[in-house]
């Protein structure tokens, strides 16, 4: 199953899911059930479709205008091993990687273990948008986030410095 991933779908060109023109993979399955979620159809763990990771990579590689790939959801960290496998097949010197999660960065770090592979996914992520969407904190003016409690984190710098370093768009 490591060579396949359960997804709700893809958007081949997006300018609203991260900086620049992006290929977006929406993972299927989410435990958070945030009120007002933008993608409630991605919550059901048994819905969506199982897709071969190499097919996604092939499709991604067809567009020379892309700046990067965004993994959204659903909850990408539910399939951390598969998402990390997908990202490992991308030239990260050429493309950047942005991942959305309802978990906080601190929760991912403290919960990371060999079974859930959270660190494996964090290590290949450039920008992490963390935290559950909060309808009471909804803010349409914050770039690439739905509510003001969510942070854009520079993961590589944060891992290196062992503290949260915010990403500036």
N, C-alpha and C. Protein backbone atom coordinates (compact mmCIF):
# COMPACT_ATOMS: atom_id res chain seq x y z
N UNK A 1 0.83 -1.20 0.00
CA UNK A 1 0.00 0.00 0.00
C UNK A 1 0.87 1.26 0.00
N UNK A 2 2.16 1.13 0.22
CA UNK A 2 3.06 2.28 0.25
C UNK A 2 3.15 2.96 -1.10
N UNK A 3 2.88 2.23 -2.19
CA UNK A 3 2.97 2.81 -3.52
C UNK A 3 1.63 3.39 -3.99
N UNK A 4 0.62 3.35 -3.12
CA UNK A 4 -0.70 3.91 -3.42
C UNK A 4 -1.14 4.83 -2.29
N UNK A 5 -2.06 5.71 -2.61
CA UNK A 5 -2.58 6.66 -1.63
C UNK A 5 -4.07 6.85 -1.86
N UNK A 6 -4.81 7.03 -0.78
CA UNK A 6 -6.26 7.28 -0.89
C UNK A 6 -6.45 8.79 -0.98
N UNK A 7 -7.05 9.23 -2.09
CA UNK A 7 -7.26 10.66 -2.31
C UNK A 7 -8.72 10.97 -2.62
N UNK A 8 -9.08 12.22 -2.40
CA UNK A 8 -10.40 12.72 -2.81
C UNK A 8 -10.32 13.23 -4.23
N UNK A 9 -9.13 13.71 -4.62
CA UNK A 9 -8.94 14.22 -5.97
C UNK A 9 -7.71 15.10 -6.06
N UNK A 10 -7.51 15.69 -7.22
CA UNK A 10 -6.39 16.61 -7.46
C UNK A 10 -6.90 17.85 -8.19
N UNK A 11 -6.17 18.93 -8.03
CA UNK A 11 -6.35 20.13 -8.84
C UNK A 11 -5.00 20.33 -9.52
N UNK A 12 -5.01 20.32 -10.83
CA UNK A 12 -3.75 20.34 -11.58
C UNK A 12 -3.06 21.70 -11.58
N UNK A 13 -3.81 22.77 -11.44
CA UNK A 13 -3.22 24.11 -11.38
C UNK A 13 -4.05 24.95 -10.41
N UNK A 14 -3.42 25.38 -9.33
CA UNK A 14 -4.09 26.21 -8.32
C UNK A 14 -3.20 27.37 -7.94
N UNK A 15 -3.83 28.52 -7.70
CA UNK A 15 -3.09 29.67 -7.17
C UNK A 15 -3.58 30.04 -5.77
N UNK A 16 -4.49 29.25 -5.21
CA UNK A 16 -5.05 29.54 -3.88
C UNK A 16 -4.59 28.56 -2.80
N UNK A 17 -3.79 27.58 -3.17
CA UNK A 17 -3.35 26.56 -2.22
C UNK A 17 -1.86 26.61 -1.96
N UNK A 18 -1.29 27.82 -1.97
CA UNK A 18 0.13 27.99 -1.73
C UNK A 18 0.71 28.96 -2.74
N UNK A 19 1.97 29.33 -2.52
CA UNK A 19 2.60 30.33 -3.40
C UNK A 19 2.87 29.79 -4.81
N UNK A 20 2.60 30.63 -5.79
CA UNK A 20 2.84 30.24 -7.18
C UNK A 20 1.80 29.27 -7.70
N UNK A 21 2.02 28.77 -8.88
CA UNK A 21 1.13 27.79 -9.49
C UNK A 21 1.45 26.42 -8.90
N UNK A 22 0.41 25.74 -8.38
CA UNK A 22 0.64 24.52 -7.63
C UNK A 22 -0.25 23.37 -8.11
N UNK A 23 0.27 22.18 -7.97
CA UNK A 23 -0.48 20.94 -8.17
C UNK A 23 -0.94 20.54 -6.77
N UNK A 24 -2.23 20.28 -6.59
CA UNK A 24 -2.77 20.00 -5.26
C UNK A 24 -3.36 18.60 -5.21
N UNK A 25 -2.92 17.84 -4.21
CA UNK A 25 -3.47 16.52 -3.94
C UNK A 25 -4.29 16.62 -2.66
N UNK A 26 -5.57 16.24 -2.75
CA UNK A 26 -6.45 16.23 -1.58
C UNK A 26 -6.55 14.80 -1.06
N UNK A 27 -5.94 14.57 0.09
CA UNK A 27 -5.99 13.23 0.68
C UNK A 27 -7.39 12.97 1.22
N UNK A 28 -7.73 11.70 1.34
CA UNK A 28 -9.05 11.30 1.82
C UNK A 28 -8.94 10.77 3.24
N UNK A 29 -9.83 11.22 4.10
CA UNK A 29 -9.89 10.77 5.49
C UNK A 29 -9.39 11.85 6.43
N UNK A 30 -10.24 12.23 7.39
CA UNK A 30 -9.85 13.26 8.35
C UNK A 30 -10.55 13.03 9.68
N UNK A 31 -9.80 13.01 10.79
CA UNK A 31 -10.40 12.81 12.10
C UNK A 31 -10.87 14.11 12.76
N UNK A 32 -10.57 15.27 12.20
CA UNK A 32 -10.79 16.54 12.90
C UNK A 32 -12.24 17.05 12.84
N UNK A 33 -12.90 16.89 11.70
CA UNK A 33 -14.28 17.34 11.52
C UNK A 33 -14.50 18.77 11.97
N UNK A 34 -13.67 19.68 11.50
CA UNK A 34 -13.77 21.09 11.86
C UNK A 34 -15.08 21.68 11.33
N UNK A 35 -15.80 22.40 12.19
CA UNK A 35 -17.01 23.09 11.77
C UNK A 35 -16.64 24.11 10.69
N UNK A 36 -17.37 24.08 9.57
CA UNK A 36 -17.10 25.02 8.49
C UNK A 36 -15.98 24.59 7.57
N UNK A 37 -15.53 23.35 7.67
CA UNK A 37 -14.44 22.85 6.84
C UNK A 37 -14.73 23.11 5.36
N UNK A 38 -13.70 23.51 4.65
CA UNK A 38 -13.81 23.81 3.22
C UNK A 38 -13.95 22.53 2.39
N UNK A 39 -13.50 21.38 2.93
CA UNK A 39 -13.52 20.11 2.19
C UNK A 39 -14.17 18.99 3.00
N UNK A 40 -15.43 19.14 3.42
CA UNK A 40 -16.04 18.09 4.25
C UNK A 40 -16.17 16.74 3.55
N UNK A 41 -16.18 16.74 2.22
CA UNK A 41 -16.28 15.48 1.47
C UNK A 41 -15.02 14.62 1.63
N UNK A 42 -13.96 15.19 2.19
CA UNK A 42 -12.70 14.44 2.38
C UNK A 42 -12.63 13.76 3.74
N UNK A 43 -13.63 13.90 4.58
CA UNK A 43 -13.57 13.36 5.95
C UNK A 43 -13.71 11.85 6.02
N UNK A 44 -14.58 11.26 5.21
CA UNK A 44 -14.87 9.82 5.26
C UNK A 44 -13.63 9.01 4.85
N UNK A 45 -13.16 8.17 5.76
CA UNK A 45 -11.96 7.38 5.52
C UNK A 45 -12.17 6.29 4.46
N UNK A 46 -13.42 5.94 4.19
CA UNK A 46 -13.71 4.88 3.23
C UNK A 46 -14.12 5.39 1.86
N UNK A 47 -14.12 6.69 1.70
CA UNK A 47 -14.52 7.29 0.43
C UNK A 47 -13.29 7.60 -0.42
N UNK A 48 -13.48 8.34 -1.48
CA UNK A 48 -12.36 8.68 -2.35
C UNK A 48 -11.94 7.51 -3.21
N UNK A 49 -10.70 7.58 -3.68
CA UNK A 49 -10.19 6.50 -4.53
C UNK A 49 -8.73 6.24 -4.20
N UNK A 50 -8.32 5.03 -4.41
CA UNK A 50 -6.92 4.66 -4.21
C UNK A 50 -6.20 4.83 -5.54
N UNK A 51 -5.12 5.60 -5.52
CA UNK A 51 -4.39 5.94 -6.74
C UNK A 51 -2.93 5.56 -6.57
N UNK A 52 -2.34 5.07 -7.64
CA UNK A 52 -0.92 4.77 -7.63
C UNK A 52 -0.12 6.07 -7.58
N UNK A 53 0.84 6.15 -6.68
CA UNK A 53 1.64 7.36 -6.50
C UNK A 53 2.39 7.74 -7.78
N UNK A 54 2.89 6.76 -8.51
CA UNK A 54 3.62 7.05 -9.75
C UNK A 54 2.73 7.74 -10.79
N UNK A 55 1.42 7.44 -10.78
CA UNK A 55 0.49 8.11 -11.71
C UNK A 55 0.37 9.59 -11.35
N UNK A 56 0.35 9.89 -10.05
CA UNK A 56 0.29 11.29 -9.61
C UNK A 56 1.57 12.01 -10.04
N UNK A 57 2.71 11.37 -9.82
CA UNK A 57 4.00 11.97 -10.19
C UNK A 57 4.07 12.21 -11.70
N UNK A 58 3.60 11.27 -12.47
CA UNK A 58 3.59 11.41 -13.93
C UNK A 58 2.74 12.61 -14.36
N UNK A 59 1.56 12.72 -13.75
CA UNK A 59 0.66 13.83 -14.06
C UNK A 59 1.29 15.16 -13.63
N UNK A 60 1.86 15.20 -12.46
CA UNK A 60 2.52 16.40 -11.93
C UNK A 60 3.64 16.87 -12.86
N UNK A 61 4.40 15.94 -13.38
CA UNK A 61 5.54 16.25 -14.23
C UNK A 61 5.20 16.81 -15.60
N UNK A 62 3.93 16.78 -15.97
CA UNK A 62 3.52 17.26 -17.30
C UNK A 62 3.44 18.77 -17.41
N UNK A 63 3.42 19.49 -16.27
CA UNK A 63 3.21 20.93 -16.31
C UNK A 63 4.50 21.67 -15.94
N UNK A 64 5.17 22.27 -16.91
CA UNK A 64 6.44 22.96 -16.64
C UNK A 64 6.28 24.29 -15.89
N UNK A 65 5.05 24.75 -15.72
CA UNK A 65 4.81 26.03 -15.06
C UNK A 65 4.65 25.93 -13.54
N UNK A 66 4.57 24.72 -13.02
CA UNK A 66 4.33 24.54 -11.58
C UNK A 66 5.52 24.98 -10.74
N UNK A 67 5.21 25.63 -9.62
CA UNK A 67 6.24 25.98 -8.63
C UNK A 67 6.40 24.88 -7.60
N UNK A 68 5.28 24.18 -7.33
CA UNK A 68 5.37 23.14 -6.31
C UNK A 68 4.11 22.32 -6.20
N UNK A 69 4.10 21.50 -5.16
CA UNK A 69 2.97 20.62 -4.89
C UNK A 69 2.44 20.94 -3.49
N UNK A 70 1.13 20.90 -3.36
CA UNK A 70 0.48 21.10 -2.07
C UNK A 70 -0.30 19.83 -1.75
N UNK A 71 -0.14 19.38 -0.52
CA UNK A 71 -0.90 18.23 -0.04
C UNK A 71 -1.89 18.76 0.98
N UNK A 72 -3.17 18.57 0.69
CA UNK A 72 -4.23 19.07 1.54
C UNK A 72 -5.11 17.90 1.94
N UNK A 73 -6.29 18.17 2.39
CA UNK A 73 -7.11 17.05 2.80
C UNK A 73 -8.57 17.38 2.84
N UNK A 74 -9.04 16.45 3.64
CA UNK A 74 -8.57 15.38 4.49
C UNK A 74 -7.40 15.81 5.40
N UNK A 75 -6.81 14.81 5.98
CA UNK A 75 -5.66 15.00 6.86
C UNK A 75 -4.47 14.23 6.32
N UNK A 76 -3.50 14.92 5.70
CA UNK A 76 -2.36 14.23 5.10
C UNK A 76 -1.56 13.36 6.08
N UNK A 77 -1.51 13.74 7.35
CA UNK A 77 -0.69 12.97 8.29
C UNK A 77 -1.32 11.64 8.68
N UNK A 78 -2.58 11.41 8.32
CA UNK A 78 -3.19 10.09 8.50
C UNK A 78 -2.52 9.08 7.56
N UNK A 79 -2.01 9.58 6.44
CA UNK A 79 -1.30 8.75 5.46
C UNK A 79 0.13 9.25 5.30
N UNK A 80 0.77 9.56 6.41
CA UNK A 80 2.10 10.19 6.37
C UNK A 80 3.11 9.39 5.56
N UNK A 81 3.11 8.09 5.70
CA UNK A 81 4.06 7.25 4.97
C UNK A 81 3.85 7.37 3.46
N UNK A 82 2.60 7.30 3.03
CA UNK A 82 2.29 7.38 1.60
C UNK A 82 2.59 8.78 1.05
N UNK A 83 2.24 9.82 1.83
CA UNK A 83 2.50 11.19 1.37
C UNK A 83 4.00 11.43 1.28
N UNK A 84 4.76 10.97 2.27
CA UNK A 84 6.22 11.11 2.23
C UNK A 84 6.80 10.37 1.03
N UNK A 85 6.26 9.21 0.72
CA UNK A 85 6.70 8.44 -0.45
C UNK A 85 6.41 9.23 -1.73
N UNK A 86 5.24 9.83 -1.82
CA UNK A 86 4.89 10.65 -2.97
C UNK A 86 5.88 11.81 -3.13
N UNK A 87 6.11 12.53 -2.05
CA UNK A 87 7.00 13.69 -2.11
C UNK A 87 8.43 13.28 -2.42
N UNK A 88 8.85 12.12 -1.95
CA UNK A 88 10.23 11.67 -2.20
C UNK A 88 10.51 11.46 -3.68
N UNK A 89 9.47 11.35 -4.48
CA UNK A 89 9.64 11.13 -5.92
C UNK A 89 9.64 12.44 -6.72
N UNK A 90 9.58 13.56 -6.01
CA UNK A 90 9.57 14.88 -6.64
C UNK A 90 10.94 15.52 -6.48
N UNK A 91 11.40 16.23 -7.49
CA UNK A 91 12.67 16.95 -7.41
C UNK A 91 12.48 18.17 -6.52
N UNK A 92 12.80 18.03 -5.23
CA UNK A 92 12.58 19.12 -4.28
C UNK A 92 13.62 20.24 -4.41
N UNK A 93 14.58 20.08 -5.30
CA UNK A 93 15.45 21.20 -5.62
C UNK A 93 14.77 22.14 -6.61
N UNK A 94 13.82 21.60 -7.35
CA UNK A 94 13.09 22.36 -8.37
C UNK A 94 11.73 22.83 -7.87
N UNK A 95 11.09 22.03 -7.04
CA UNK A 95 9.73 22.31 -6.57
C UNK A 95 9.71 22.40 -5.04
N UNK A 96 8.80 23.25 -4.52
CA UNK A 96 8.62 23.26 -3.07
C UNK A 96 7.38 22.47 -2.69
N UNK A 97 7.33 22.09 -1.41
CA UNK A 97 6.28 21.21 -0.90
C UNK A 97 5.56 21.92 0.25
N UNK A 98 4.25 22.02 0.12
CA UNK A 98 3.42 22.61 1.16
C UNK A 98 2.41 21.58 1.62
N UNK A 99 2.25 21.44 2.94
CA UNK A 99 1.32 20.46 3.50
C UNK A 99 0.41 21.15 4.50
N UNK A 100 -0.88 20.87 4.39
CA UNK A 100 -1.87 21.35 5.36
C UNK A 100 -2.15 20.25 6.37
N UNK A 101 -2.33 20.64 7.64
CA UNK A 101 -2.69 19.68 8.67
C UNK A 101 -3.56 20.34 9.73
N UNK A 102 -4.46 19.58 10.30
CA UNK A 102 -5.26 20.06 11.42
C UNK A 102 -4.53 19.92 12.75
N UNK A 103 -3.43 19.18 12.75
CA UNK A 103 -2.61 19.05 13.95
C UNK A 103 -1.70 20.26 14.08
N UNK A 104 -1.25 20.54 15.28
CA UNK A 104 -0.24 21.59 15.43
C UNK A 104 1.13 20.97 15.19
N UNK A 105 2.06 21.80 14.82
CA UNK A 105 3.45 21.35 14.62
C UNK A 105 3.96 20.66 15.88
N UNK A 106 3.69 21.26 17.03
CA UNK A 106 4.16 20.70 18.30
C UNK A 106 3.58 19.31 18.55
N UNK A 107 2.30 19.12 18.23
CA UNK A 107 1.66 17.81 18.40
C UNK A 107 2.29 16.77 17.47
N UNK A 108 2.57 17.17 16.23
CA UNK A 108 3.21 16.24 15.30
C UNK A 108 4.59 15.82 15.79
N UNK A 109 5.37 16.78 16.28
CA UNK A 109 6.71 16.48 16.78
C UNK A 109 6.64 15.57 18.00
N UNK A 110 5.77 15.90 18.94
CA UNK A 110 5.71 15.12 20.18
C UNK A 110 5.09 13.74 19.98
N UNK A 111 4.27 13.58 18.95
CA UNK A 111 3.61 12.30 18.68
C UNK A 111 4.36 11.43 17.67
N UNK A 112 5.37 11.98 17.04
CA UNK A 112 6.07 11.26 15.97
C UNK A 112 6.70 9.98 16.48
N UNK A 113 6.50 8.91 15.73
CA UNK A 113 7.14 7.63 16.05
C UNK A 113 7.33 6.82 14.77
N UNK A 114 7.93 5.68 14.91
CA UNK A 114 8.25 4.83 13.77
C UNK A 114 6.99 4.34 13.05
N UNK A 115 5.89 4.18 13.78
CA UNK A 115 4.65 3.67 13.18
C UNK A 115 3.92 4.73 12.36
N UNK A 116 3.79 5.95 12.90
CA UNK A 116 2.99 6.96 12.18
C UNK A 116 3.77 7.72 11.11
N UNK A 117 5.09 7.70 11.18
CA UNK A 117 5.97 8.30 10.16
C UNK A 117 5.81 9.82 10.01
N UNK A 118 5.35 10.49 11.08
CA UNK A 118 5.17 11.94 11.02
C UNK A 118 6.48 12.66 10.69
N UNK A 119 7.58 12.24 11.30
CA UNK A 119 8.86 12.90 11.04
C UNK A 119 9.29 12.73 9.60
N UNK A 120 9.04 11.57 9.05
CA UNK A 120 9.38 11.30 7.65
C UNK A 120 8.70 12.32 6.73
N UNK A 121 7.42 12.60 7.01
CA UNK A 121 6.69 13.58 6.20
C UNK A 121 7.16 15.00 6.50
N UNK A 122 7.38 15.33 7.75
CA UNK A 122 7.86 16.68 8.10
C UNK A 122 9.20 16.98 7.43
N UNK A 123 10.07 16.00 7.39
CA UNK A 123 11.42 16.21 6.84
C UNK A 123 11.43 16.52 5.35
N UNK A 124 10.37 16.19 4.63
CA UNK A 124 10.31 16.48 3.19
C UNK A 124 9.35 17.63 2.88
N UNK A 125 8.87 18.30 3.93
CA UNK A 125 7.94 19.42 3.79
C UNK A 125 8.69 20.74 3.93
N UNK A 126 8.40 21.68 3.04
CA UNK A 126 8.98 23.03 3.14
C UNK A 126 8.11 23.94 3.98
N UNK A 127 6.81 23.99 3.66
CA UNK A 127 5.87 24.87 4.35
C UNK A 127 4.75 24.01 4.93
N UNK A 128 4.50 24.19 6.23
CA UNK A 128 3.40 23.48 6.90
C UNK A 128 2.38 24.51 7.36
N UNK A 129 1.14 24.31 6.95
CA UNK A 129 0.03 25.10 7.50
C UNK A 129 -0.59 24.23 8.57
N UNK A 130 -0.45 24.65 9.84
CA UNK A 130 -0.90 23.79 10.93
C UNK A 130 -2.10 24.36 11.67
N UNK A 131 -2.79 23.49 12.37
CA UNK A 131 -3.92 23.87 13.21
C UNK A 131 -5.26 23.64 12.56
N UNK A 132 -6.23 23.29 13.39
CA UNK A 132 -7.59 23.08 12.89
C UNK A 132 -8.19 24.40 12.44
N UNK A 133 -9.02 24.32 11.40
CA UNK A 133 -9.78 25.50 11.01
C UNK A 133 -10.76 25.83 12.13
N UNK A 134 -10.81 27.11 12.52
CA UNK A 134 -11.70 27.57 13.58
C UNK A 134 -12.63 28.62 12.98
N UNK A 135 -13.90 28.27 12.85
CA UNK A 135 -14.89 29.16 12.25
C UNK A 135 -14.95 30.51 12.96
N UNK A 136 -14.74 30.54 14.27
CA UNK A 136 -14.78 31.78 15.04
C UNK A 136 -13.58 32.69 14.75
N UNK A 137 -12.52 32.12 14.17
CA UNK A 137 -11.31 32.89 13.86
C UNK A 137 -11.10 33.01 12.34
N UNK A 138 -12.16 32.75 11.58
CA UNK A 138 -12.07 32.81 10.12
C UNK A 138 -11.54 34.18 9.69
N UNK A 139 -10.58 34.15 8.75
CA UNK A 139 -9.98 35.38 8.26
C UNK A 139 -9.56 35.18 6.82
N UNK A 140 -10.27 35.82 5.91
CA UNK A 140 -10.01 35.66 4.48
C UNK A 140 -8.79 36.45 4.01
N UNK A 141 -8.20 37.25 4.88
CA UNK A 141 -7.08 38.10 4.48
C UNK A 141 -5.71 37.48 4.75
N UNK A 142 -5.67 36.38 5.47
CA UNK A 142 -4.39 35.72 5.76
C UNK A 142 -4.05 34.80 4.59
N UNK A 143 -2.88 34.96 4.00
CA UNK A 143 -2.53 34.14 2.83
C UNK A 143 -2.55 32.64 3.12
N UNK A 144 -3.32 31.92 2.32
CA UNK A 144 -3.34 30.45 2.27
C UNK A 144 -3.79 29.78 3.56
N UNK A 145 -4.48 30.51 4.42
CA UNK A 145 -5.03 29.94 5.66
C UNK A 145 -6.48 30.37 5.80
N UNK A 146 -7.25 29.58 6.51
CA UNK A 146 -8.66 29.89 6.69
C UNK A 146 -8.98 30.63 7.97
N UNK A 147 -8.18 30.42 9.02
CA UNK A 147 -8.44 31.08 10.29
C UNK A 147 -7.13 31.54 10.93
N UNK A 148 -7.25 32.55 11.77
CA UNK A 148 -6.05 33.22 12.31
C UNK A 148 -5.23 32.36 13.27
N UNK A 149 -5.77 31.27 13.76
CA UNK A 149 -4.99 30.37 14.63
C UNK A 149 -4.02 29.49 13.83
N UNK A 150 -4.22 29.38 12.54
CA UNK A 150 -3.36 28.55 11.71
C UNK A 150 -2.07 29.29 11.38
N UNK A 151 -0.97 28.54 11.37
CA UNK A 151 0.33 29.14 11.13
C UNK A 151 0.94 28.58 9.85
N UNK A 152 1.74 29.41 9.19
CA UNK A 152 2.57 28.96 8.08
C UNK A 152 3.97 28.78 8.66
N UNK A 153 4.46 27.55 8.65
CA UNK A 153 5.72 27.23 9.32
C UNK A 153 6.78 26.83 8.30
N UNK A 154 7.96 27.38 8.44
CA UNK A 154 9.12 26.97 7.65
C UNK A 154 9.67 25.72 8.33
N UNK A 155 9.32 24.58 7.81
CA UNK A 155 9.62 23.31 8.49
C UNK A 155 11.13 23.02 8.54
N UNK A 156 11.82 23.24 7.45
CA UNK A 156 13.25 22.94 7.44
C UNK A 156 14.00 23.76 8.50
N UNK A 157 13.72 25.06 8.58
CA UNK A 157 14.35 25.91 9.59
C UNK A 157 13.90 25.52 11.00
N UNK A 158 12.63 25.19 11.14
CA UNK A 158 12.09 24.82 12.46
C UNK A 158 12.72 23.54 12.99
N UNK A 159 12.89 22.55 12.12
CA UNK A 159 13.52 21.31 12.55
C UNK A 159 14.98 21.55 12.93
N UNK A 160 15.66 22.36 12.14
CA UNK A 160 17.08 22.64 12.38
C UNK A 160 17.27 23.41 13.69
N UNK A 161 16.43 24.42 13.93
CA UNK A 161 16.58 25.26 15.11
C UNK A 161 15.80 24.75 16.33
N UNK A 162 15.03 23.68 16.13
CA UNK A 162 14.23 23.06 17.19
C UNK A 162 13.27 24.04 17.87
N UNK A 163 12.71 24.92 17.05
CA UNK A 163 11.66 25.83 17.49
C UNK A 163 10.88 26.27 16.25
N UNK A 164 9.66 26.71 16.45
CA UNK A 164 8.82 27.09 15.31
C UNK A 164 9.34 28.39 14.69
N UNK A 165 9.64 28.32 13.40
CA UNK A 165 10.03 29.49 12.62
C UNK A 165 8.93 29.69 11.58
N UNK A 166 8.29 30.83 11.63
CA UNK A 166 7.18 31.10 10.71
C UNK A 166 7.69 31.39 9.31
N UNK A 167 6.91 30.97 8.34
CA UNK A 167 7.22 31.21 6.93
C UNK A 167 6.55 32.51 6.51
N UNK A 168 7.28 33.35 5.81
CA UNK A 168 6.75 34.61 5.31
C UNK A 168 6.47 34.49 3.83
N UNK A 169 5.22 34.71 3.44
CA UNK A 169 4.85 34.66 2.02
C UNK A 169 5.16 35.99 1.37
